[in-house]
Amino acid sequence: MIAVHRLRGEPMFLNADLLESIEATPDTVITLVDGRRIVVADSPEDIAERIVEFRASVLVSAAELRGVSNSVSSIHQS
């Protein structure tokens, strides 16, 4: 899940796996895989960065559960 903010500033959490596209029109519009659209205050770049950070955290958590050392590079070595 990633955090985004509605135009009035209220936070909401989205499942990053359900995002189909993000566009600036000039407001940021997130389109979900089911076709729903959500307008948010966050920039597309910020949202993309949060998705990358979220996915990296999933990989690190998986590596920790397997007992691999705490560097991301060790994920590629196993």
PDB file of N, CA and C in Angstrom:
ATOM      1  N   MET A   1       0.834  -1.171   0.000  1.00  0.00           N
ATOM      2  CA  MET A   1       0.000   0.000   0.000  1.00  0.00           C
ATOM      3  C   MET A   1       0.886   1.244   0.000  1.00  0.00           C
ATOM      4  N   ILE A   2       0.426   2.250  -0.719  1.00  0.00           N
ATOM      5  CA  ILE A   2       1.127   3.534  -0.713  1.00  0.00           C
ATOM      6  C   ILE A   2       0.151   4.616  -0.260  1.00  0.00           C
ATOM      7  N   ALA A   3       0.692   5.660   0.357  1.00  0.00           N
ATOM      8  CA  ALA A   3      -0.123   6.780   0.808  1.00  0.00           C
ATOM      9  C   ALA A   3      -0.169   7.849  -0.278  1.00  0.00           C
ATOM     10  N   VAL A   4      -1.356   8.364  -0.531  1.00  0.00           N
ATOM     11  CA  VAL A   4      -1.565   9.522  -1.414  1.00  0.00           C
ATOM     12  C   VAL A   4      -2.516  10.453  -0.682  1.00  0.00           C
ATOM     13  N   HIS A   5      -2.689  11.647  -1.225  1.00  0.00           N
ATOM     14  CA  HIS A   5      -3.555  12.635  -0.572  1.00  0.00           C
ATOM     15  C   HIS A   5      -4.600  13.148  -1.551  1.00  0.00           C
ATOM     16  N   ARG A   6      -5.831  13.153  -1.117  1.00  0.00           N
ATOM     17  CA  ARG A   6      -6.899  13.734  -1.927  1.00  0.00           C
ATOM     18  C   ARG A   6      -6.636  15.231  -2.071  1.00  0.00           C
ATOM     19  N   LEU A   7      -7.335  15.897  -2.962  1.00  0.00           N
ATOM     20  CA  LEU A   7      -7.095  17.318  -3.214  1.00  0.00           C
ATOM     21  C   LEU A   7      -7.281  18.174  -1.961  1.00  0.00           C
ATOM     22  N   ARG A   8      -8.156  17.769  -1.068  1.00  0.00           N
ATOM     23  CA  ARG A   8      -8.368  18.531   0.166  1.00  0.00           C
ATOM     24  C   ARG A   8      -7.360  18.168   1.251  1.00  0.00           C
ATOM     25  N   GLY A   9      -6.450  17.252   0.959  1.00  0.00           N
ATOM     26  CA  GLY A   9      -5.389  16.900   1.893  1.00  0.00           C
ATOM     27  C   GLY A   9      -5.611  15.643   2.695  1.00  0.00           C
ATOM     28  N   GLU A  10      -6.788  15.035   2.590  1.00  0.00           N
ATOM     29  CA  GLU A  10      -7.044  13.817   3.346  1.00  0.00           C
ATOM     30  C   GLU A  10      -6.184  12.680   2.805  1.00  0.00           C
ATOM     31  N   PRO A  11      -5.495  11.966   3.694  1.00  0.00           N
ATOM     32  CA  PRO A  11      -4.686  10.838   3.227  1.00  0.00           C
ATOM     33  C   PRO A  11      -5.563   9.643   2.876  1.00  0.00           C
ATOM     34  N   MET A  12      -5.103   8.875   1.927  1.00  0.00           N
ATOM     35  CA  MET A  12      -5.745   7.600   1.610  1.00  0.00           C
ATOM     36  C   MET A  12      -4.652   6.642   1.178  1.00  0.00           C
ATOM     37  N   PHE A  13      -4.919   5.367   1.273  1.00  0.00           N
ATOM     38  CA  PHE A  13      -3.937   4.355   0.915  1.00  0.00           C
ATOM     39  C   PHE A  13      -4.454   3.558  -0.271  1.00  0.00           C
ATOM     40  N   LEU A  14      -3.559   3.338  -1.231  1.00  0.00           N
ATOM     41  CA  LEU A  14      -3.899   2.591  -2.439  1.00  0.00           C
ATOM     42  C   LEU A  14      -3.027   1.351  -2.547  1.00  0.00           C
ATOM     43  N   ASN A  15      -3.610   0.298  -3.054  1.00  0.00           N
ATOM     44  CA  ASN A  15      -2.852  -0.899  -3.360  1.00  0.00           C
ATOM     45  C   ASN A  15      -2.051  -0.617  -4.631  1.00  0.00           C
ATOM     46  N   ALA A  16      -0.734  -0.580  -4.518  1.00  0.00           N
ATOM     47  CA  ALA A  16       0.129  -0.232  -5.648  1.00  0.00           C
ATOM     48  C   ALA A  16      -0.021  -1.201  -6.819  1.00  0.00           C
ATOM     49  N   ASP A  17      -0.462  -2.417  -6.546  1.00  0.00           N
ATOM     50  CA  ASP A  17      -0.630  -3.401  -7.612  1.00  0.00           C
ATOM     51  C   ASP A  17      -1.866  -3.136  -8.463  1.00  0.00           C
ATOM     52  N   LEU A  18      -2.751  -2.256  -8.009  1.00  0.00           N
ATOM     53  CA  LEU A  18      -3.984  -1.984  -8.747  1.00  0.00           C
ATOM     54  C   LEU A  18      -3.916  -0.717  -9.590  1.00  0.00           C
ATOM     55  N   LEU A  19      -2.776  -0.029  -9.584  1.00  0.00           N
ATOM     56  CA  LEU A  19      -2.620   1.178 -10.394  1.00  0.00           C
ATOM     57  C   LEU A  19      -2.301   0.808 -11.829  1.00  0.00           C
ATOM     58  N   GLU A  20      -3.063   1.355 -12.748  1.00  0.00           N
ATOM     59  CA  GLU A  20      -2.804   1.121 -14.166  1.00  0.00           C
ATOM     60  C   GLU A  20      -1.993   2.261 -14.764  1.00  0.00           C
ATOM     61  N   SER A  21      -2.369   3.510 -14.417  1.00  0.00           N
ATOM     62  CA  SER A  21      -1.630   4.656 -14.950  1.00  0.00           C
ATOM     63  C   SER A  21      -1.757   5.844 -14.016  1.00  0.00           C
ATOM     64  N   ILE A  22      -0.789   6.756 -14.160  1.00  0.00           N
ATOM     65  CA  ILE A  22      -0.777   8.002 -13.407  1.00  0.00           C
ATOM     66  C   ILE A  22      -0.475   9.103 -14.417  1.00  0.00           C
ATOM     67  N   GLU A  23      -1.302  10.151 -14.444  1.00  0.00           N
ATOM     68  CA  GLU A  23      -1.069  11.235 -15.390  1.00  0.00           C
ATOM     69  C   GLU A  23      -1.328  12.577 -14.732  1.00  0.00           C
ATOM     70  N   ALA A  24      -0.650  13.602 -15.225  1.00  0.00           N
ATOM     71  CA  ALA A  24      -0.853  14.967 -14.756  1.00  0.00           C
ATOM     72  C   ALA A  24      -1.630  15.717 -15.829  1.00  0.00           C
ATOM     73  N   THR A  25      -2.812  16.246 -15.454  1.00  0.00           N
ATOM     74  CA  THR A  25      -3.692  16.824 -16.483  1.00  0.00           C
ATOM     75  C   THR A  25      -4.291  18.186 -16.152  1.00  0.00           C
ATOM     76  N   PRO A  26      -3.871  19.147 -15.436  1.00  0.00           N
ATOM     77  CA  PRO A  26      -2.679  19.263 -14.595  1.00  0.00           C
ATOM     78  C   PRO A  26      -2.807  18.584 -13.244  1.00  0.00           C
ATOM     79  N   ASP A  27      -4.039  18.306 -12.766  1.00  0.00           N
ATOM     80  CA  ASP A  27      -4.160  17.525 -11.531  1.00  0.00           C
ATOM     81  C   ASP A  27      -3.684  16.103 -11.805  1.00  0.00           C
ATOM     82  N   THR A  28      -3.214  15.455 -10.765  1.00  0.00           N
ATOM     83  CA  THR A  28      -2.754  14.081 -10.920  1.00  0.00           C
ATOM     84  C   THR A  28      -3.958  13.148 -10.880  1.00  0.00           C
ATOM     85  N   VAL A  29      -4.108  12.358 -11.936  1.00  0.00           N
ATOM     86  CA  VAL A  29      -5.209  11.404 -12.036  1.00  0.00           C
ATOM     87  C   VAL A  29      -4.626   9.998 -12.043  1.00  0.00           C
ATOM     88  N   ILE A  30      -5.071   9.194 -11.081  1.00  0.00           N
ATOM     89  CA  ILE A  30      -4.656   7.794 -11.004  1.00  0.00           C
ATOM     90  C   ILE A  30      -5.792   6.959 -11.574  1.00  0.00           C
ATOM     91  N   THR A  31      -5.467   6.106 -12.535  1.00  0.00           N
ATOM     92  CA  THR A  31      -6.450   5.176 -13.085  1.00  0.00           C
ATOM     93  C   THR A  31      -6.129   3.788 -12.547  1.00  0.00           C
ATOM     94  N   LEU A  32      -7.129   3.149 -11.976  1.00  0.00           N
ATOM     95  CA  LEU A  32      -6.961   1.801 -11.437  1.00  0.00           C
ATOM     96  C   LEU A  32      -7.294   0.773 -12.511  1.00  0.00           C
ATOM     97  N   VAL A  33      -6.889  -0.456 -12.294  1.00  0.00           N
ATOM     98  CA  VAL A  33      -7.092  -1.507 -13.294  1.00  0.00           C
ATOM     99  C   VAL A  33      -8.563  -1.763 -13.594  1.00  0.00           C
ATOM    100  N   ASP A  34      -9.449  -1.404 -12.658  1.00  0.00           N
ATOM    101  CA  ASP A  34     -10.884  -1.593 -12.907  1.00  0.00           C
ATOM    102  C   ASP A  34     -11.521  -0.386 -13.589  1.00  0.00           C
ATOM    103  N   GLY A  35     -10.701   0.613 -13.961  1.00  0.00           N
ATOM    104  CA  GLY A  35     -11.199   1.775 -14.677  1.00  0.00           C
ATOM    105  C   GLY A  35     -11.552   2.963 -13.803  1.00  0.00           C
ATOM    106  N   ARG A  36     -11.629   2.763 -12.492  1.00  0.00           N
ATOM    107  CA  ARG A  36     -11.921   3.902 -11.607  1.00  0.00           C
ATOM    108  C   ARG A  36     -10.778   4.902 -11.671  1.00  0.00           C
ATOM    109  N   ARG A  37     -11.134   6.179 -11.530  1.00  0.00           N
ATOM    110  CA  ARG A  37     -10.140   7.242 -11.558  1.00  0.00           C
ATOM    111  C   ARG A  37     -10.195   8.012 -10.252  1.00  0.00           C
ATOM    112  N   ILE A  38      -9.033   8.356  -9.741  1.00  0.00           N
ATOM    113  CA  ILE A  38      -8.920   9.097  -8.494  1.00  0.00           C
ATOM    114  C   ILE A  38      -8.026  10.307  -8.745  1.00  0.00           C
ATOM    115  N   VAL A  39      -8.481  11.484  -8.357  1.00  0.00           N
ATOM    116  CA  VAL A  39      -7.693  12.705  -8.485  1.00  0.00           C
ATOM    117  C   VAL A  39      -7.019  12.957  -7.144  1.00  0.00           C
ATOM    118  N   VAL A  40      -5.703  13.150  -7.167  1.00  0.00           N
ATOM    119  CA  VAL A  40      -4.938  13.341  -5.932  1.00  0.00           C
ATOM    120  C   VAL A  40      -4.055  14.575  -6.031  1.00  0.00           C
ATOM    121  N   ALA A  41      -3.574  15.040  -4.877  1.00  0.00           N
ATOM    122  CA  ALA A  41      -2.726  16.225  -4.814  1.00  0.00           C
ATOM    123  C   ALA A  41      -1.256  15.900  -5.087  1.00  0.00           C
ATOM    124  N   ASP A  42      -0.852  14.652  -4.915  1.00  0.00           N
ATOM    125  CA  ASP A  42       0.550  14.258  -5.080  1.00  0.00           C
ATOM    126  C   ASP A  42       0.935  14.271  -6.551  1.00  0.00           C
ATOM    127  N   SER A  43       2.208  14.556  -6.825  1.00  0.00           N
ATOM    128  CA  SER A  43       2.684  14.552  -8.208  1.00  0.00           C
ATOM    129  C   SER A  43       2.891  13.115  -8.691  1.00  0.00           C
ATOM    130  N   PRO A  44       2.803  12.893 -10.005  1.00  0.00           N
ATOM    131  CA  PRO A  44       3.064  11.542 -10.527  1.00  0.00           C
ATOM    132  C   PRO A  44       4.451  11.026 -10.129  1.00  0.00           C
ATOM    133  N   GLU A  45       5.433  11.924 -10.096  1.00  0.00           N
ATOM    134  CA  GLU A  45       6.800  11.520  -9.723  1.00  0.00           C
ATOM    135  C   GLU A  45       6.857  11.034  -8.277  1.00  0.00           C
ATOM    136  N   ASP A  46       6.161  11.747  -7.372  1.00  0.00           N
ATOM    137  CA  ASP A  46       6.136  11.321  -5.971  1.00  0.00           C
ATOM    138  C   ASP A  46       5.467   9.956  -5.817  1.00  0.00           C
ATOM    139  N   ILE A  47       4.380   9.759  -6.536  1.00  0.00           N
ATOM    140  CA  ILE A  47       3.670   8.479  -6.455  1.00  0.00           C
ATOM    141  C   ILE A  47       4.547   7.356  -6.996  1.00  0.00           C
ATOM    142  N   ALA A  48       5.203   7.591  -8.118  1.00  0.00           N
ATOM    143  CA  ALA A  48       6.086   6.568  -8.692  1.00  0.00           C
ATOM    144  C   ALA A  48       7.217   6.232  -7.719  1.00  0.00           C
ATOM    145  N   GLU A  49       7.768   7.237  -7.056  1.00  0.00           N
ATOM    146  CA  GLU A  49       8.837   7.007  -6.079  1.00  0.00           C
ATOM    147  C   GLU A  49       8.327   6.174  -4.902  1.00  0.00           C
ATOM    148  N   ARG A  50       7.119   6.444  -4.442  1.00  0.00           N
ATOM    149  CA  ARG A  50       6.539   5.665  -3.345  1.00  0.00           C
ATOM    150  C   ARG A  50       6.315   4.210  -3.748  1.00  0.00           C
ATOM    151  N   ILE A  51       5.934   4.000  -5.003  1.00  0.00           N
ATOM    152  CA  ILE A  51       5.740   2.627  -5.480  1.00  0.00           C
ATOM    153  C   ILE A  51       7.067   1.878  -5.481  1.00  0.00           C
ATOM    154  N   VAL A  52       8.123   2.530  -5.969  1.00  0.00           N
ATOM    155  CA  VAL A  52       9.448   1.900  -5.990  1.00  0.00           C
ATOM    156  C   VAL A  52       9.897   1.584  -4.560  1.00  0.00           C
ATOM    157  N   GLU A  53       9.722   2.540  -3.644  1.00  0.00           N
ATOM    158  CA  GLU A  53      10.110   2.313  -2.248  1.00  0.00           C
ATOM    159  C   GLU A  53       9.308   1.174  -1.625  1.00  0.00           C
ATOM    160  N   PHE A  54       8.014   1.125  -1.920  1.00  0.00           N
ATOM    161  CA  PHE A  54       7.175   0.053  -1.381  1.00  0.00           C
ATOM    162  C   PHE A  54       7.643  -1.307  -1.888  1.00  0.00           C
ATOM    163  N   ARG A  55       7.882  -1.407  -3.183  1.00  0.00           N
ATOM    164  CA  ARG A  55       8.310  -2.697  -3.747  1.00  0.00           C
ATOM    165  C   ARG A  55       9.686  -3.104  -3.214  1.00  0.00           C
ATOM    166  N   ALA A  56      10.576  -2.142  -3.030  1.00  0.00           N
ATOM    167  CA  ALA A  56      11.892  -2.441  -2.455  1.00  0.00           C
ATOM    168  C   ALA A  56      11.739  -2.944  -1.025  1.00  0.00           C
ATOM    169  N   SER A  57      10.815  -2.342  -0.266  1.00  0.00           N
ATOM    170  CA  SER A  57      10.610  -2.779   1.118  1.00  0.00           C
ATOM    171  C   SER A  57      10.068  -4.209   1.168  1.00  0.00           C
ATOM    172  N   VAL A  58       9.274  -4.579   0.190  1.00  0.00           N
ATOM    173  CA  VAL A  58       8.769  -5.956   0.129  1.00  0.00           C
ATOM    174  C   VAL A  58       9.926  -6.924  -0.097  1.00  0.00           C
ATOM    175  N   LEU A  59      10.833  -6.575  -0.996  1.00  0.00           N
ATOM    176  CA  LEU A  59      11.992  -7.435  -1.258  1.00  0.00           C
ATOM    177  C   LEU A  59      12.885  -7.562  -0.036  1.00  0.00           C
ATOM    178  N   VAL A  60      13.116  -6.441   0.657  1.00  0.00           N
ATOM    179  CA  VAL A  60      13.957  -6.472   1.853  1.00  0.00           C
ATOM    180  C   VAL A  60      13.302  -7.331   2.928  1.00  0.00           C
ATOM    181  N   SER A  61      12.000  -7.174   3.112  1.00  0.00           N
ATOM    182  CA  SER A  61      11.290  -7.982   4.115  1.00  0.00           C
ATOM    183  C   SER A  61      11.357  -9.463   3.784  1.00  0.00           C
ATOM    184  N   ALA A  62      11.210  -9.803   2.514  1.00  0.00           N
ATOM    185  CA  ALA A  62      11.292 -11.205   2.100  1.00  0.00           C
ATOM    186  C   ALA A  62      12.683 -11.758   2.376  1.00  0.00           C
ATOM    187  N   ALA A  63      13.711 -10.958   2.087  1.00  0.00           N
ATOM    188  CA  ALA A  63      15.085 -11.403   2.334  1.00  0.00           C
ATOM    189  C   ALA A  63      15.321 -11.605   3.828  1.00  0.00           C
ATOM    190  N   GLU A  64      14.788 -10.714   4.645  1.00  0.00           N
ATOM    191  CA  GLU A  64      14.947 -10.847   6.094  1.00  0.00           C
ATOM    192  C   GLU A  64      14.255 -12.106   6.609  1.00  0.00           C
ATOM    193  N   LEU A  65      13.103 -12.419   6.058  1.00  0.00           N
ATOM    194  CA  LEU A  65      12.401 -13.633   6.466  1.00  0.00           C
ATOM    195  C   LEU A  65      13.182 -14.889   6.100  1.00  0.00           C
ATOM    196  N   ARG A  66      13.930 -14.810   4.994  1.00  0.00           N
ATOM    197  CA  ARG A  66      14.749 -15.953   4.573  1.00  0.00           C
ATOM    198  C   ARG A  66      16.071 -15.991   5.311  1.00  0.00           C
ATOM    199  N   GLY A  67      16.377 -14.946   6.084  1.00  0.00           N
ATOM    200  CA  GLY A  67      17.619 -14.917   6.839  1.00  0.00           C
ATOM    201  C   GLY A  67      18.807 -14.399   6.059  1.00  0.00           C
ATOM    202  N   VAL A  68      18.548 -13.743   4.943  1.00  0.00           N
ATOM    203  CA  VAL A  68      19.629 -13.164   4.144  1.00  0.00           C
ATOM    204  C   VAL A  68      20.059 -11.872   4.823  1.00  0.00           C
ATOM    205  N   SER A  69      21.335 -11.493   4.678  1.00  0.00           N
ATOM    206  CA  SER A  69      21.837 -10.275   5.307  1.00  0.00           C
ATOM    207  C   SER A  69      21.013  -9.069   4.874  1.00  0.00           C
ATOM    208  N   ASN A  70      21.135  -7.965   5.600  1.00  0.00           N
ATOM    209  CA  ASN A  70      20.242  -6.834   5.431  1.00  0.00           C
ATOM    210  C   ASN A  70      20.589  -5.888   4.285  1.00  0.00           C
ATOM    211  N   SER A  71      21.367  -6.284   3.297  1.00  0.00           N
ATOM    212  CA  SER A  71      21.587  -5.409   2.152  1.00  0.00           C
ATOM    213  C   SER A  71      20.775  -5.904   0.965  1.00  0.00           C
ATOM    214  N   VAL A  72      20.279  -4.971   0.199  1.00  0.00           N
ATOM    215  CA  VAL A  72      19.456  -5.321  -0.957  1.00  0.00           C
ATOM    216  C   VAL A  72      20.277  -6.090  -1.986  1.00  0.00           C
ATOM    217  N   SER A  73      21.571  -5.810  -2.085  1.00  0.00           N
ATOM    218  CA  SER A  73      22.396  -6.498  -3.070  1.00  0.00           C
ATOM    219  C   SER A  73      22.465  -7.993  -2.791  1.00  0.00           C
ATOM    220  N   SER A  74      22.295  -8.388  -1.537  1.00  0.00           N
ATOM    221  CA  SER A  74      22.352  -9.815  -1.218  1.00  0.00           C
ATOM    222  C   SER A  74      21.149 -10.555  -1.769  1.00  0.00           C
ATOM    223  N   ILE A  75      20.070  -9.856  -2.072  1.00  0.00           N
ATOM    224  CA  ILE A  75      18.898 -10.492  -2.667  1.00  0.00           C
ATOM    225  C   ILE A  75      19.264 -11.071  -4.034  1.00  0.00           C
ATOM    226  N   HIS A  76      20.098 -10.327  -4.788  1.00  0.00           N
ATOM    227  CA  HIS A  76      20.487 -10.780  -6.119  1.00  0.00           C
ATOM    228  C   HIS A  76      21.471 -11.941  -6.074  1.00  0.00           C
ATOM    229  N   GLN A  77      22.167 -12.099  -4.957  1.00  0.00           N
ATOM    230  CA  GLN A  77      23.167 -13.148  -4.842  1.00  0.00           C
ATOM    231  C   GLN A  77      22.551 -14.489  -4.457  1.00  0.00           C
ATOM    232  N   SER A  78      21.349 -14.490  -3.900  1.00  0.00           N
ATOM    233  CA  SER A  78      20.769 -15.753  -3.465  1.00  0.00           C
ATOM    234  C   SER A  78      19.997 -16.437  -4.549  1.00  0.00           C
TER     235      SER A  78
END
